[in-house]
Amino acid sequence: MSANWFVLIPIAALVLFVPGAIAVLKLQKASLRRMGSMPVTASPTADRTGFHQSPQESREEFVRRHWQRSGLVADGVTLVDLYDRIQALEERVARAERRSASPPSAD
């Protein structure tokens, strides 16, 4: 009689597992269908938070505007600092190019 219990346990597990897996797959398909019917331009996070990047806005402008928002930009303070350093470097390069392009002064 005890040998029958050892056979019954795997069969019972299969009987419980298979319908559960089928139910999960059906729920996934239903959610994918719902996601497919949403407009392409609508982002779930933009709708929920009200923060989204407009098409005319650069990534830098977006980060500068929302640098305090946790989770919206990855470490906004560091990104803003990086953007500031890049801007300063671009200005230095432009000045150096202007100096090199100007004719040398005769002493």
Protein backbone atom coordinates (compact mmCIF):
# COMPACT_ATOMS: atom_id res chain seq x y z
CA MET A 1 0.00 0.00 0.00
CA SER A 2 2.85 2.43 0.77
CA ALA A 3 4.25 1.97 -2.76
CA ASN A 4 0.99 3.36 -4.13
CA TRP A 5 1.53 6.59 -2.21
CA PHE A 6 4.90 7.12 -3.88
CA VAL A 7 3.24 6.85 -7.29
CA LEU A 8 0.34 9.07 -6.28
CA ILE A 9 2.52 12.00 -5.20
CA PRO A 10 4.08 12.72 -8.64
CA ILE A 11 0.73 12.25 -10.36
CA ALA A 12 -0.93 14.70 -7.98
CA ALA A 13 1.88 17.19 -8.53
CA LEU A 14 1.40 16.97 -12.30
CA VAL A 15 -2.35 17.37 -11.94
CA LEU A 16 -1.79 20.58 -9.96
CA PHE A 17 1.15 21.92 -11.99
CA VAL A 18 -0.20 21.58 -15.53
CA PRO A 19 -3.47 23.54 -15.00
CA GLY A 20 -1.55 26.21 -13.10
CA ALA A 21 0.92 26.60 -15.95
CA ILE A 22 -1.90 26.80 -18.47
CA ALA A 23 -3.64 29.48 -16.40
CA VAL A 24 -0.44 31.55 -16.19
CA LEU A 25 0.08 31.34 -19.97
CA LYS A 26 -3.50 32.46 -20.63
CA LEU A 27 -3.07 35.43 -18.28
CA GLN A 28 0.16 36.41 -20.04
CA LYS A 29 -1.51 36.26 -23.45
CA ALA A 30 -4.42 38.35 -22.20
CA SER A 31 -2.10 41.00 -20.77
CA LEU A 32 -0.07 41.09 -23.99
CA ARG A 33 -3.26 41.60 -25.98
CA ARG A 34 -4.21 44.49 -23.71
CA MET A 35 -0.73 46.01 -24.04
CA GLY A 36 -0.95 45.67 -27.82
CA SER A 37 -4.17 47.65 -27.93
CA MET A 38 -2.56 50.62 -26.10
CA PRO A 39 -1.37 53.51 -28.29
CA VAL A 40 2.32 53.35 -29.15
CA THR A 41 3.04 56.87 -27.90
CA ALA A 42 1.57 56.22 -24.46
CA SER A 43 4.12 55.03 -21.96
CA PRO A 44 2.85 53.42 -18.74
CA THR A 45 5.35 55.33 -16.61
CA ALA A 46 4.57 58.65 -18.28
CA ASP A 47 0.86 58.19 -17.64
CA ARG A 48 1.38 57.27 -14.00
CA THR A 49 3.95 59.92 -13.06
CA GLY A 50 3.22 62.68 -15.55
CA PHE A 51 6.96 62.91 -16.34
CA HIS A 52 7.98 62.14 -19.90
CA GLN A 53 10.46 63.50 -22.35
CA SER A 54 8.92 65.51 -25.16
CA PRO A 55 10.15 64.86 -28.72
CA GLN A 56 11.66 68.36 -28.95
CA GLU A 57 13.55 67.98 -25.66
CA SER A 58 17.07 66.60 -25.52
CA ARG A 59 18.08 64.03 -22.92
CA GLU A 60 20.24 66.66 -21.23
CA GLU A 61 17.32 69.10 -20.89
CA PHE A 62 15.14 66.32 -19.50
CA VAL A 63 17.76 65.34 -16.92
CA ARG A 64 18.34 68.95 -15.90
CA ARG A 65 14.61 69.49 -15.49
CA HIS A 66 14.08 66.34 -13.37
CA TRP A 67 17.44 65.77 -11.68
CA GLN A 68 15.81 65.59 -8.21
CA ARG A 69 13.31 62.88 -9.26
CA SER A 70 14.52 59.59 -7.81
CA GLY A 71 14.06 56.65 -10.14
CA LEU A 72 13.34 58.83 -13.16
CA VAL A 73 16.96 59.50 -14.02
CA ALA A 74 19.86 57.42 -12.84
CA ASP A 75 21.71 59.59 -10.31
CA GLY A 76 20.65 62.97 -11.67
CA VAL A 77 23.26 64.95 -9.71
CA THR A 78 26.09 63.03 -11.35
CA LEU A 79 24.54 63.39 -14.81
CA VAL A 80 24.04 67.15 -14.39
CA ASP A 81 27.64 67.47 -13.18
CA LEU A 82 28.79 65.49 -16.20
CA TYR A 83 26.79 67.70 -18.56
CA ASP A 84 28.33 70.80 -16.92
CA ARG A 85 31.85 69.40 -17.34
CA ILE A 86 31.19 68.55 -20.99
CA GLN A 87 29.88 72.06 -21.63
CA ALA A 88 32.95 73.61 -19.98
CA LEU A 89 35.25 71.36 -22.01
CA GLU A 90 33.45 72.29 -25.25
CA GLU A 91 33.90 75.99 -24.40
CA ARG A 92 37.63 75.48 -23.73
CA VAL A 93 38.05 73.63 -27.03
CA ALA A 94 36.21 76.40 -28.91
CA ARG A 95 38.46 79.07 -27.31
CA ALA A 96 41.58 77.07 -28.17
CA GLU A 97 40.39 76.68 -31.78
CA ARG A 98 39.74 80.44 -32.03
CA ARG A 99 43.21 81.18 -30.65
CA SER A 100 44.87 78.80 -33.08
CA ALA A 101 42.89 80.19 -36.02
CA SER A 102 43.79 83.84 -35.28
CA PRO A 103 46.99 85.10 -36.97
CA PRO A 104 50.03 85.24 -34.69
CA SER A 105 50.90 88.68 -33.43
CA ALA A 106 54.21 90.19 -34.65
CA ASP A 107 56.47 91.14 -31.77
